[in-house]
Amino acid sequence: MGTRGIARFGLCGWDYEDWRGPLYPESLPPDFRALPLLARFTQFMEVNVSHYRILPPGPAERWVAETPPDFTFLFKAWKGWTHEGAPVRAEELSAFRALLEPAAREGRLEGILVQLPPHLRQPGEALRLLRDLSGSLAPHSLLAEVRDRALCHPDFYSALEEAGIGFVNVDLPDVRRLPTLTAVNTTPTGCLRLHGRNRAGWARRSARDVRYDHDYDAREIDTLAETIEDLLTRCPRVLVGANNHYRAQAAAVVARLRTRIEGRPCAVPERLRRGSPAVAAVTTALPGTAPPDATGELFPPSVPAVEGSHR
């Protein structure tokens, strides 16, 4: 039997208003910094803001400075390239590279997540974009996430492998043409992103918070753990990022999966444990995180806080 790889667990963003209460204090102190708290129980962070605008490097310098040396970052590619058809021009490319530099300089850049838009379903067109970005952003690694199951094909995987581009497995509802859950790797780094299974929210093309409102139940956790273990048999490193972000449910699934895969309780903020019996059952409390005067409930009192509860 070969050597089992290492799984690293992270969150897809951290600046969510509805995390106040379930994970952050209801009233944020003036000196509150979310990222250092999250870095105490997660191992990497997906930077989503880079998808919407290319920031100057100052914020990235701060993110690197306020997190541990082994905490890493995965930056999402700018949507101008992926969703709007903008050419890869020197100006934007230089600015994006500057944003990556603080993490890259310290050896803490996992790579660049390239999320393809749902309308991009022709393999040739998708590969041209990915190869263009890969060449422009070298030597940084690319991880490609598709949103149409037509691209989930062995020929497409082989082309990614030949280009040295990673494939992102996704957990999504079984809706329309969305990809189904796979355990594919095209580079030594495996990747799995969890978007939840709120079928009604995706089918109705609901608002973001509705679409990503999903608390994984015990059976779904089993399926995800099996997928991660499958990837670990072939990949030295597997990134697991949670994007079912509404009311910090992403943090909850990370805590439960990390405990499961590592075989020991994950220490998480007490607010998260108080709001979810499923989390409390398999974790311990991070020192100094008990809220002094609030329960930090993840579920409203009127809804049973059990495995698989939905709002």
C-alpha atoms as a PDB file:
ATOM      1  CA  MET A   1       0.000   0.000   0.000  1.00  0.00           C
ATOM      2  CA  GLY A   2       1.342   3.417  -0.915  1.00  0.00           C
ATOM      3  CA  THR A   3       1.841   6.357   1.406  1.00  0.00           C
ATOM      4  CA  ARG A   4      -1.354   8.189   2.291  1.00  0.00           C
ATOM      5  CA  GLY A   5      -1.389  11.859   1.383  1.00  0.00           C
ATOM      6  CA  ILE A   6      -2.138  14.827   3.623  1.00  0.00           C
ATOM      7  CA  ALA A   7      -5.475  16.657   3.538  1.00  0.00           C
ATOM      8  CA  ARG A   8      -5.647  20.388   4.201  1.00  0.00           C
ATOM      9  CA  PHE A   9      -8.959  21.992   5.090  1.00  0.00           C
ATOM     10  CA  GLY A  10      -9.966  25.558   4.346  1.00  0.00           C
ATOM     11  CA  LEU A  11     -12.785  28.021   3.810  1.00  0.00           C
ATOM     12  CA  CYS A  12     -13.881  29.821   0.666  1.00  0.00           C
ATOM     13  CA  GLY A  13     -13.814  33.373   1.979  1.00  0.00           C
ATOM     14  CA  TRP A  14     -14.282  34.828   5.431  1.00  0.00           C
ATOM     15  CA  ASP A  15     -15.999  38.215   5.120  1.00  0.00           C
ATOM     16  CA  TYR A  16     -19.631  37.229   5.695  1.00  0.00           C
ATOM     17  CA  GLU A  17     -22.066  39.342   7.703  1.00  0.00           C
ATOM     18  CA  ASP A  18     -24.123  36.278   8.675  1.00  0.00           C
ATOM     19  CA  TRP A  19     -21.122  34.708  10.439  1.00  0.00           C
ATOM     20  CA  ARG A  20     -21.733  37.137  13.283  1.00  0.00           C
ATOM     21  CA  GLY A  21     -23.285  35.040  16.028  1.00  0.00           C
ATOM     22  CA  PRO A  22     -22.600  31.525  14.668  1.00  0.00           C
ATOM     23  CA  LEU A  23     -18.833  32.084  14.543  1.00  0.00           C
ATOM     24  CA  TYR A  24     -17.886  35.740  15.116  1.00  0.00           C
ATOM     25  CA  PRO A  25     -19.095  37.986  17.951  1.00  0.00           C
ATOM     26  CA  GLU A  26     -22.443  39.633  17.264  1.00  0.00           C
ATOM     27  CA  SER A  27     -20.865  43.041  17.892  1.00  0.00           C
ATOM     28  CA  LEU A  28     -17.356  43.034  16.510  1.00  0.00           C
ATOM     29  CA  PRO A  29     -14.753  44.698  18.734  1.00  0.00           C
ATOM     30  CA  PRO A  30     -12.753  47.455  16.991  1.00  0.00           C
ATOM     31  CA  ASP A  31      -9.644  45.247  16.991  1.00  0.00           C
ATOM     32  CA  PHE A  32     -11.375  42.051  15.792  1.00  0.00           C
ATOM     33  CA  ARG A  33      -9.530  40.229  13.046  1.00  0.00           C
ATOM     34  CA  ALA A  34     -11.353  37.242  11.570  1.00  0.00           C
ATOM     35  CA  LEU A  35      -8.500  35.614   9.684  1.00  0.00           C
ATOM     36  CA  PRO A  36      -6.267  34.923  12.719  1.00  0.00           C
ATOM     37  CA  LEU A  37      -9.233  33.239  14.428  1.00  0.00           C
ATOM     38  CA  LEU A  38     -10.008  31.054  11.406  1.00  0.00           C
ATOM     39  CA  ALA A  39      -6.339  30.142  11.004  1.00  0.00           C
ATOM     40  CA  ARG A  40      -6.489  28.460  14.412  1.00  0.00           C
ATOM     41  CA  PHE A  41      -8.669  25.626  13.094  1.00  0.00           C
ATOM     42  CA  THR A  42      -8.287  25.742   9.288  1.00  0.00           C
ATOM     43  CA  GLN A  43      -5.158  25.289   7.187  1.00  0.00           C
ATOM     44  CA  PHE A  44      -5.697  27.452   4.122  1.00  0.00           C
ATOM     45  CA  MET A  45      -7.943  30.230   2.899  1.00  0.00           C
ATOM     46  CA  GLU A  46      -9.453  30.735  -0.515  1.00  0.00           C
ATOM     47  CA  VAL A  47      -9.266  34.432  -1.372  1.00  0.00           C
ATOM     48  CA  ASN A  48     -12.470  35.221  -3.239  1.00  0.00           C
ATOM     49  CA  VAL A  49     -12.107  38.984  -3.471  1.00  0.00           C
ATOM     50  CA  SER A  50      -9.484  38.559  -6.205  1.00  0.00           C
ATOM     51  CA  HIS A  51     -12.242  37.167  -8.447  1.00  0.00           C
ATOM     52  CA  TYR A  52     -14.170  40.442  -8.272  1.00  0.00           C
ATOM     53  CA  ARG A  53     -11.364  42.975  -8.233  1.00  0.00           C
ATOM     54  CA  ILE A  54      -7.589  42.963  -8.248  1.00  0.00           C
ATOM     55  CA  LEU A  55      -6.491  44.551  -4.979  1.00  0.00           C
ATOM     56  CA  PRO A  56      -3.135  46.188  -4.352  1.00  0.00           C
ATOM     57  CA  PRO A  57      -0.741  43.875  -2.480  1.00  0.00           C
ATOM     58  CA  GLY A  58      -1.157  45.639   0.883  1.00  0.00           C
ATOM     59  CA  PRO A  59      -4.063  43.494   2.140  1.00  0.00           C
ATOM     60  CA  ALA A  60      -2.263  40.294   1.110  1.00  0.00           C
ATOM     61  CA  GLU A  61       0.812  41.439   3.047  1.00  0.00           C
ATOM     62  CA  ARG A  62      -1.418  41.782   6.122  1.00  0.00           C
ATOM     63  CA  TRP A  63      -3.093  38.393   5.616  1.00  0.00           C
ATOM     64  CA  VAL A  64       0.295  36.687   5.469  1.00  0.00           C
ATOM     65  CA  ALA A  65       1.614  38.600   8.486  1.00  0.00           C
ATOM     66  CA  GLU A  66      -1.342  37.778  10.737  1.00  0.00           C
ATOM     67  CA  THR A  67      -1.483  34.028  10.075  1.00  0.00           C
ATOM     68  CA  PRO A  68       0.879  31.170  11.036  1.00  0.00           C
ATOM     69  CA  PRO A  69       3.807  30.242   8.766  1.00  0.00           C
ATOM     70  CA  ASP A  70       2.134  26.989   7.688  1.00  0.00           C
ATOM     71  CA  PHE A  71      -1.186  28.639   6.756  1.00  0.00           C
ATOM     72  CA  THR A  72      -1.557  28.934   2.986  1.00  0.00           C
ATOM     73  CA  PHE A  73      -3.669  30.799   0.424  1.00  0.00           C
ATOM     74  CA  LEU A  74      -5.512  29.889  -2.765  1.00  0.00           C
ATOM     75  CA  PHE A  75      -6.396  32.945  -4.861  1.00  0.00           C
ATOM     76  CA  LYS A  76      -9.361  32.953  -7.204  1.00  0.00           C
ATOM     77  CA  ALA A  77      -8.625  34.176 -10.733  1.00  0.00           C
ATOM     78  CA  TRP A  78     -10.078  37.520 -11.787  1.00  0.00           C
ATOM     79  CA  LYS A  79     -13.515  37.192 -13.418  1.00  0.00           C
ATOM     80  CA  GLY A  80     -12.515  39.556 -16.216  1.00  0.00           C
ATOM     81  CA  TRP A  81     -10.449  36.690 -17.633  1.00  0.00           C
ATOM     82  CA  THR A  82     -12.764  33.812 -16.748  1.00  0.00           C
ATOM     83  CA  HIS A  83     -16.288  35.219 -17.117  1.00  0.00           C
ATOM     84  CA  GLU A  84     -16.088  38.412 -19.163  1.00  0.00           C
ATOM     85  CA  GLY A  85     -13.753  37.484 -21.992  1.00  0.00           C
ATOM     86  CA  ALA A  86     -11.132  40.105 -21.200  1.00  0.00           C
ATOM     87  CA  PRO A  87      -7.741  39.457 -22.814  1.00  0.00           C
ATOM     88  CA  VAL A  88      -4.819  38.708 -20.520  1.00  0.00           C
ATOM     89  CA  ARG A  89      -3.189  42.128 -20.751  1.00  0.00           C
ATOM     90  CA  ALA A  90       0.052  43.181 -19.126  1.00  0.00           C
ATOM     91  CA  GLU A  91      -1.575  45.734 -16.810  1.00  0.00           C
ATOM     92  CA  GLU A  92      -4.030  43.366 -15.108  1.00  0.00           C
ATOM     93  CA  LEU A  93      -1.534  40.515 -15.167  1.00  0.00           C
ATOM     94  CA  SER A  94       1.091  42.599 -13.393  1.00  0.00           C
ATOM     95  CA  ALA A  95      -1.411  43.744 -10.765  1.00  0.00           C
ATOM     96  CA  PHE A  96      -2.641  40.196 -10.159  1.00  0.00           C
ATOM     97  CA  ARG A  97       0.915  38.897  -9.823  1.00  0.00           C
ATOM     98  CA  ALA A  98       1.659  41.657  -7.308  1.00  0.00           C
ATOM     99  CA  LEU A  99      -1.340  40.514  -5.244  1.00  0.00           C
ATOM    100  CA  LEU A 100       0.014  36.953  -5.207  1.00  0.00           C
ATOM    101  CA  GLU A 101       3.544  37.974  -4.322  1.00  0.00           C
ATOM    102  CA  PRO A 102       3.283  38.268  -0.499  1.00  0.00           C
ATOM    103  CA  ALA A 103       2.083  34.667  -0.199  1.00  0.00           C
ATOM    104  CA  ALA A 104       4.321  33.360  -2.996  1.00  0.00           C
ATOM    105  CA  ARG A 105       7.393  34.994  -1.498  1.00  0.00           C
ATOM    106  CA  GLU A 106       6.870  33.094   1.768  1.00  0.00           C
ATOM    107  CA  GLY A 107       6.112  29.772   0.056  1.00  0.00           C
ATOM    108  CA  ARG A 108       2.477  30.018   1.160  1.00  0.00           C
ATOM    109  CA  LEU A 109       0.684  30.185  -2.177  1.00  0.00           C
ATOM    110  CA  GLU A 110      -1.271  27.013  -2.975  1.00  0.00           C
ATOM    111  CA  GLY A 111      -2.055  28.274  -6.459  1.00  0.00           C
ATOM    112  CA  ILE A 112      -4.784  29.988  -8.438  1.00  0.00           C
ATOM    113  CA  LEU A 113      -8.343  28.728  -8.624  1.00  0.00           C
ATOM    114  CA  VAL A 114      -9.795  29.231 -12.098  1.00  0.00           C
ATOM    115  CA  GLN A 115     -13.571  28.849 -11.915  1.00  0.00           C
ATOM    116  CA  LEU A 116     -14.993  28.505 -15.398  1.00  0.00           C
ATOM    117  CA  PRO A 117     -18.451  29.986 -16.057  1.00  0.00           C
ATOM    118  CA  PRO A 118     -21.471  27.695 -16.633  1.00  0.00           C
ATOM    119  CA  HIS A 119     -21.756  28.687 -20.283  1.00  0.00           C
ATOM    120  CA  LEU A 120     -18.224  27.463 -21.025  1.00  0.00           C
ATOM    121  CA  ARG A 121     -18.945  23.843 -21.909  1.00  0.00           C
ATOM    122  CA  GLN A 122     -16.861  23.242 -25.059  1.00  0.00           C
ATOM    123  CA  PRO A 123     -13.595  21.473 -24.166  1.00  0.00           C
ATOM    124  CA  GLY A 124     -11.553  23.269 -26.811  1.00  0.00           C
ATOM    125  CA  GLU A 125     -12.653  26.717 -25.679  1.00  0.00           C
ATOM    126  CA  ALA A 126     -12.137  25.860 -22.001  1.00  0.00           C
ATOM    127  CA  LEU A 127      -8.655  24.464 -22.631  1.00  0.00           C
ATOM    128  CA  ARG A 128      -7.583  27.505 -24.658  1.00  0.00           C
ATOM    129  CA  LEU A 129      -8.493  29.799 -21.775  1.00  0.00           C
ATOM    130  CA  LEU A 130      -6.827  27.578 -19.180  1.00  0.00           C
ATOM    131  CA  ARG A 131      -3.621  27.171 -21.195  1.00  0.00           C
ATOM    132  CA  ASP A 132      -3.464  30.912 -21.817  1.00  0.00           C
ATOM    133  CA  LEU A 133      -3.809  31.648 -18.100  1.00  0.00           C
ATOM    134  CA  SER A 134      -1.387  28.893 -17.160  1.00  0.00           C
ATOM    135  CA  GLY A 135       1.289  30.318 -19.438  1.00  0.00           C
ATOM    136  CA  SER A 136       0.643  33.893 -18.317  1.00  0.00           C
ATOM    137  CA  LEU A 137       0.681  33.096 -14.596  1.00  0.00           C
ATOM    138  CA  ALA A 138       3.562  30.594 -14.569  1.00  0.00           C
ATOM    139  CA  PRO A 139       5.213  29.349 -12.459  1.00  0.00           C
ATOM    140  CA  HIS A 140       2.155  29.484 -10.197  1.00  0.00           C
ATOM    141  CA  SER A 141      -0.092  26.404 -10.259  1.00  0.00           C
ATOM    142  CA  LEU A 142      -3.629  26.497 -11.622  1.00  0.00           C
ATOM    143  CA  LEU A 143      -6.625  24.514 -10.386  1.00  0.00           C
ATOM    144  CA  ALA A 144      -9.608  24.454 -12.751  1.00  0.00           C
ATOM    145  CA  GLU A 145     -13.221  24.165 -11.618  1.00  0.00           C
ATOM    146  CA  VAL A 146     -15.870  23.539 -14.252  1.00  0.00           C
ATOM    147  CA  ARG A 147     -19.597  24.210 -13.919  1.00  0.00           C
ATOM    148  CA  ASP A 148     -20.886  21.987 -16.715  1.00  0.00           C
ATOM    149  CA  ARG A 149     -20.739  18.202 -16.544  1.00  0.00           C
ATOM    150  CA  ALA A 150     -19.920  17.994 -20.258  1.00  0.00           C
ATOM    151  CA  LEU A 151     -16.333  18.856 -19.303  1.00  0.00           C
ATOM    152  CA  CYS A 152     -16.117  16.021 -16.772  1.00  0.00           C
ATOM    153  CA  HIS A 153     -14.688  13.603 -19.312  1.00  0.00           C
ATOM    154  CA  PRO A 154     -11.483  11.508 -19.422  1.00  0.00           C
ATOM    155  CA  ASP A 155     -10.245  13.355 -22.517  1.00  0.00           C
ATOM    156  CA  PHE A 156     -10.566  16.693 -20.738  1.00  0.00           C
ATOM    157  CA  TYR A 157      -8.798  15.309 -17.679  1.00  0.00           C
ATOM    158  CA  SER A 158      -5.962  14.033 -19.860  1.00  0.00           C
ATOM    159  CA  ALA A 159      -5.567  17.436 -21.501  1.00  0.00           C
ATOM    160  CA  LEU A 160      -5.389  19.113 -18.079  1.00  0.00           C
ATOM    161  CA  GLU A 161      -2.783  16.597 -16.940  1.00  0.00           C
ATOM    162  CA  GLU A 162      -0.691  17.235 -20.035  1.00  0.00           C
ATOM    163  CA  ALA A 163      -0.881  20.995 -19.387  1.00  0.00           C
ATOM    164  CA  GLY A 164      -0.008  20.585 -15.698  1.00  0.00           C
ATOM    165  CA  ILE A 165      -3.342  22.064 -14.570  1.00  0.00           C
ATOM    166  CA  GLY A 166      -5.175  20.618 -11.578  1.00  0.00           C
ATOM    167  CA  PHE A 167      -8.813  19.566 -11.607  1.00  0.00           C
ATOM    168  CA  VAL A 168     -11.214  20.684  -8.892  1.00  0.00           C
ATOM    169  CA  ASN A 169     -13.770  18.108  -7.829  1.00  0.00           C
ATOM    170  CA  VAL A 170     -17.010  19.670  -6.626  1.00  0.00           C
ATOM    171  CA  ASP A 171     -19.912  18.706  -4.418  1.00  0.00           C
ATOM    172  CA  LEU A 172     -23.057  20.313  -5.816  1.00  0.00           C
ATOM    173  CA  PRO A 173     -26.773  19.525  -6.032  1.00  0.00           C
ATOM    174  CA  ASP A 174     -27.875  17.234  -8.848  1.00  0.00           C
ATOM    175  CA  VAL A 175     -29.369  20.073 -10.881  1.00  0.00           C
ATOM    176  CA  ARG A 176     -29.392  20.660 -14.634  1.00  0.00           C
ATOM    177  CA  ARG A 177     -25.896  20.358 -16.057  1.00  0.00           C
ATOM    178  CA  LEU A 178     -23.914  20.813 -12.829  1.00  0.00           C
ATOM    179  CA  PRO A 179     -20.994  18.398 -12.362  1.00  0.00           C
ATOM    180  CA  THR A 180     -21.468  15.395 -10.107  1.00  0.00           C
ATOM    181  CA  LEU A 181     -19.099  14.400  -7.318  1.00  0.00           C
ATOM    182  CA  THR A 182     -15.850  12.880  -8.593  1.00  0.00           C
ATOM    183  CA  ALA A 183     -12.430  11.970  -7.195  1.00  0.00           C
ATOM    184  CA  VAL A 184     -10.164  12.993 -10.076  1.00  0.00           C
ATOM    185  CA  ASN A 185      -6.665  14.398  -9.911  1.00  0.00           C
ATOM    186  CA  THR A 186      -4.652  15.644 -12.883  1.00  0.00           C
ATOM    187  CA  THR A 187      -1.687  16.893 -10.833  1.00  0.00           C
ATOM    188  CA  PRO A 188      -0.203  15.685  -7.529  1.00  0.00           C
ATOM    189  CA  THR A 189      -2.439  18.172  -5.700  1.00  0.00           C
ATOM    190  CA  GLY A 190      -6.015  16.976  -5.394  1.00  0.00           C
ATOM    191  CA  CYS A 191      -8.812  19.415  -4.706  1.00  0.00           C
ATOM    192  CA  LEU A 192     -12.422  19.210  -3.533  1.00  0.00           C
ATOM    193  CA  ARG A 193     -14.740  22.221  -3.116  1.00  0.00           C
ATOM    194  CA  LEU A 194     -17.982  21.851  -1.189  1.00  0.00           C
ATOM    195  CA  HIS A 195     -20.858  24.037  -2.354  1.00  0.00           C
ATOM    196  CA  GLY A 196     -23.647  22.283  -0.449  1.00  0.00           C
ATOM    197  CA  ARG A 197     -26.625  20.394  -1.810  1.00  0.00           C
ATOM    198  CA  ASN A 198     -29.423  22.933  -1.651  1.00  0.00           C
ATOM    199  CA  ARG A 199     -31.173  21.630  -4.732  1.00  0.00           C
ATOM    200  CA  ALA A 200     -34.117  24.013  -4.513  1.00  0.00           C
ATOM    201  CA  GLY A 201     -31.828  27.030  -4.196  1.00  0.00           C
ATOM    202  CA  TRP A 202     -29.797  26.091  -7.274  1.00  0.00           C
ATOM    203  CA  ALA A 203     -32.799  25.005  -9.331  1.00  0.00           C
ATOM    204  CA  ARG A 204     -34.495  28.360  -8.766  1.00  0.00           C
ATOM    205  CA  ARG A 205     -31.249  30.274  -9.339  1.00  0.00           C
ATOM    206  CA  SER A 206     -31.788  31.808  -5.925  1.00  0.00           C
ATOM    207  CA  ALA A 207     -29.722  34.520  -4.267  1.00  0.00           C
ATOM    208  CA  ARG A 208     -26.239  33.575  -3.108  1.00  0.00           C
ATOM    209  CA  ASP A 209     -27.121  33.062   0.564  1.00  0.00           C
ATOM    210  CA  VAL A 210     -30.025  30.764  -0.298  1.00  0.00           C
ATOM    211  CA  ARG A 211     -28.059  28.771  -2.826  1.00  0.00           C
ATOM    212  CA  TYR A 212     -25.214  28.031  -0.420  1.00  0.00           C
ATOM    213  CA  ASP A 213     -27.446  27.356   2.601  1.00  0.00           C
ATOM    214  CA  HIS A 214     -26.798  23.706   3.372  1.00  0.00           C
ATOM    215  CA  ASP A 215     -25.795  21.798   6.483  1.00  0.00           C
ATOM    216  CA  TYR A 216     -24.328  18.417   5.540  1.00  0.00           C
ATOM    217  CA  ASP A 217     -25.981  15.450   7.245  1.00  0.00           C
ATOM    218  CA  ALA A 218     -24.192  12.354   8.539  1.00  0.00           C
ATOM    219  CA  ARG A 219     -24.643  10.315   5.367  1.00  0.00           C
ATOM    220  CA  GLU A 220     -23.339  13.172   3.213  1.00  0.00           C
ATOM    221  CA  ILE A 221     -20.327  13.510   5.506  1.00  0.00           C
ATOM    222  CA  ASP A 222     -19.632   9.807   4.953  1.00  0.00           C
ATOM    223  CA  THR A 223     -19.696  10.297   1.167  1.00  0.00           C
ATOM    224  CA  LEU A 224     -17.385  13.316   1.311  1.00  0.00           C
ATOM    225  CA  ALA A 225     -14.947  11.509   3.613  1.00  0.00           C
ATOM    226  CA  GLU A 226     -14.817   8.555   1.201  1.00  0.00           C
ATOM    227  CA  THR A 227     -14.064  10.940  -1.679  1.00  0.00           C
ATOM    228  CA  ILE A 228     -11.258  12.601   0.266  1.00  0.00           C
ATOM    229  CA  GLU A 229      -9.780   9.241   1.243  1.00  0.00           C
ATOM    230  CA  ASP A 230      -9.888   8.154  -2.407  1.00  0.00           C
ATOM    231  CA  LEU A 231      -7.918  11.256  -3.420  1.00  0.00           C
ATOM    232  CA  LEU A 232      -5.442  10.698  -0.575  1.00  0.00           C
ATOM    233  CA  THR A 233      -4.478   7.318  -2.002  1.00  0.00           C
ATOM    234  CA  ARG A 234      -3.141   9.072  -5.121  1.00  0.00           C
ATOM    235  CA  CYS A 235      -2.285  12.622  -4.079  1.00  0.00           C
ATOM    236  CA  PRO A 236       0.446  13.721  -1.671  1.00  0.00           C
ATOM    237  CA  ARG A 237      -1.679  16.797  -0.920  1.00  0.00           C
ATOM    238  CA  VAL A 238      -5.444  17.315  -1.041  1.00  0.00           C
ATOM    239  CA  LEU A 239      -7.146  20.681  -0.567  1.00  0.00           C
ATOM    240  CA  VAL A 240     -10.693  20.602   0.794  1.00  0.00           C
ATOM    241  CA  GLY A 241     -12.442  23.974   0.664  1.00  0.00           C
ATOM    242  CA  ALA A 242     -15.947  24.603   2.032  1.00  0.00           C
ATOM    243  CA  ASN A 243     -18.193  27.115   0.282  1.00  0.00           C
ATOM    244  CA  ASN A 244     -21.579  26.317   1.888  1.00  0.00           C
ATOM    245  CA  HIS A 245     -20.969  29.543   3.708  1.00  0.00           C
ATOM    246  CA  TYR A 246     -24.385  30.684   4.929  1.00  0.00           C
ATOM    247  CA  ARG A 247     -24.349  31.167   8.732  1.00  0.00           C
ATOM    248  CA  ALA A 248     -20.880  29.583   8.977  1.00  0.00           C
ATOM    249  CA  GLN A 249     -22.002  26.129   7.873  1.00  0.00           C
ATOM    250  CA  ALA A 250     -18.725  25.956   5.906  1.00  0.00           C
ATOM    251  CA  ALA A 251     -16.793  26.119   9.185  1.00  0.00           C
ATOM    252  CA  ALA A 252     -19.009  23.380  10.604  1.00  0.00           C
ATOM    253  CA  VAL A 253     -18.386  20.920   7.765  1.00  0.00           C
ATOM    254  CA  VAL A 254     -14.644  21.646   7.855  1.00  0.00           C
ATOM    255  CA  ALA A 255     -14.558  20.845  11.576  1.00  0.00           C
ATOM    256  CA  ARG A 256     -16.425  17.580  11.117  1.00  0.00           C
ATOM    257  CA  LEU A 257     -14.436  16.415   8.098  1.00  0.00           C
ATOM    258  CA  ARG A 258     -11.090  17.372   9.567  1.00  0.00           C
ATOM    259  CA  THR A 259     -11.906  15.390  12.703  1.00  0.00           C
ATOM    260  CA  ARG A 260     -12.951  12.438  10.577  1.00  0.00           C
ATOM    261  CA  ILE A 261      -9.947  12.405   8.255  1.00  0.00           C
ATOM    262  CA  GLU A 262      -7.302  13.159  10.891  1.00  0.00           C
ATOM    263  CA  GLY A 263      -8.773  10.761  13.452  1.00  0.00           C
ATOM    264  CA  ARG A 264      -8.704  13.225  16.338  1.00  0.00           C
ATOM    265  CA  PRO A 265     -11.027  16.001  17.510  1.00  0.00           C
ATOM    266  CA  CYS A 266     -10.550  19.335  15.790  1.00  0.00           C
ATOM    267  CA  ALA A 267     -10.480  22.337  18.155  1.00  0.00           C
ATOM    268  CA  VAL A 268     -12.926  25.033  17.015  1.00  0.00           C
ATOM    269  CA  PRO A 269     -14.442  28.229  18.422  1.00  0.00           C
ATOM    270  CA  GLU A 270     -16.968  27.541  21.177  1.00  0.00           C
ATOM    271  CA  ARG A 271     -19.659  29.514  19.345  1.00  0.00           C
ATOM    272  CA  LEU A 272     -19.585  26.975  16.540  1.00  0.00           C
ATOM    273  CA  ARG A 273     -19.903  24.064  18.989  1.00  0.00           C
ATOM    274  CA  ARG A 274     -22.820  25.638  20.875  1.00  0.00           C
ATOM    275  CA  GLY A 275     -24.787  26.072  17.678  1.00  0.00           C
ATOM    276  CA  SER A 276     -24.411  22.551  16.303  1.00  0.00           C
ATOM    277  CA  PRO A 277     -24.619  19.280  18.243  1.00  0.00           C
ATOM    278  CA  ALA A 278     -23.012  17.538  15.263  1.00  0.00           C
ATOM    279  CA  VAL A 279     -19.950  19.769  15.602  1.00  0.00           C
ATOM    280  CA  ALA A 280     -19.906  19.624  19.401  1.00  0.00           C
ATOM    281  CA  ALA A 281     -19.960  15.822  19.324  1.00  0.00           C
ATOM    282  CA  VAL A 282     -16.664  15.517  17.426  1.00  0.00           C
ATOM    283  CA  THR A 283     -14.657  18.616  18.401  1.00  0.00           C
ATOM    284  CA  THR A 284     -13.114  20.380  21.365  1.00  0.00           C
ATOM    285  CA  ALA A 285     -13.197  24.098  22.160  1.00  0.00           C
ATOM    286  CA  LEU A 286     -10.397  26.434  21.188  1.00  0.00           C
ATOM    287  CA  PRO A 287      -9.100  28.113  24.345  1.00  0.00           C
ATOM    288  CA  GLY A 288     -10.382  31.626  24.880  1.00  0.00           C
ATOM    289  CA  THR A 289     -13.256  31.429  22.394  1.00  0.00           C
ATOM    290  CA  ALA A 290     -16.296  31.017  24.681  1.00  0.00           C
ATOM    291  CA  PRO A 291     -18.713  33.925  24.150  1.00  0.00           C
ATOM    292  CA  PRO A 292     -19.293  35.691  27.499  1.00  0.00           C
ATOM    293  CA  ASP A 293     -22.992  36.420  27.083  1.00  0.00           C
ATOM    294  CA  ALA A 294     -24.311  34.716  23.931  1.00  0.00           C
ATOM    295  CA  THR A 295     -25.027  31.177  22.859  1.00  0.00           C
ATOM    296  CA  GLY A 296     -23.734  31.679  19.331  1.00  0.00           C
ATOM    297  CA  GLU A 297     -26.423  29.372  18.026  1.00  0.00           C
ATOM    298  CA  LEU A 298     -26.021  28.165  14.473  1.00  0.00           C
ATOM    299  CA  PHE A 299     -29.706  27.212  14.319  1.00  0.00           C
ATOM    300  CA  PRO A 300     -32.651  29.371  15.404  1.00  0.00           C
ATOM    301  CA  PRO A 301     -34.305  28.086  18.626  1.00  0.00           C
ATOM    302  CA  SER A 302     -37.435  27.095  16.674  1.00  0.00           C
ATOM    303  CA  VAL A 303     -35.521  24.652  14.470  1.00  0.00           C
ATOM    304  CA  PRO A 304     -34.173  21.360  15.840  1.00  0.00           C
ATOM    305  CA  ALA A 305     -30.377  21.428  15.740  1.00  0.00           C
ATOM    306  CA  VAL A 306     -29.878  17.922  14.342  1.00  0.00           C
ATOM    307  CA  GLU A 307     -27.919  16.328  11.551  1.00  0.00           C
ATOM    308  CA  GLY A 308     -29.286  17.528   8.238  1.00  0.00           C
ATOM    309  CA  SER A 309     -31.363  20.445   9.518  1.00  0.00           C
ATOM    310  CA  HIS A 310     -32.234  22.987   6.870  1.00  0.00           C
ATOM    311  CA  ARG A 311     -33.729  26.427   7.103  1.00  0.00           C
END
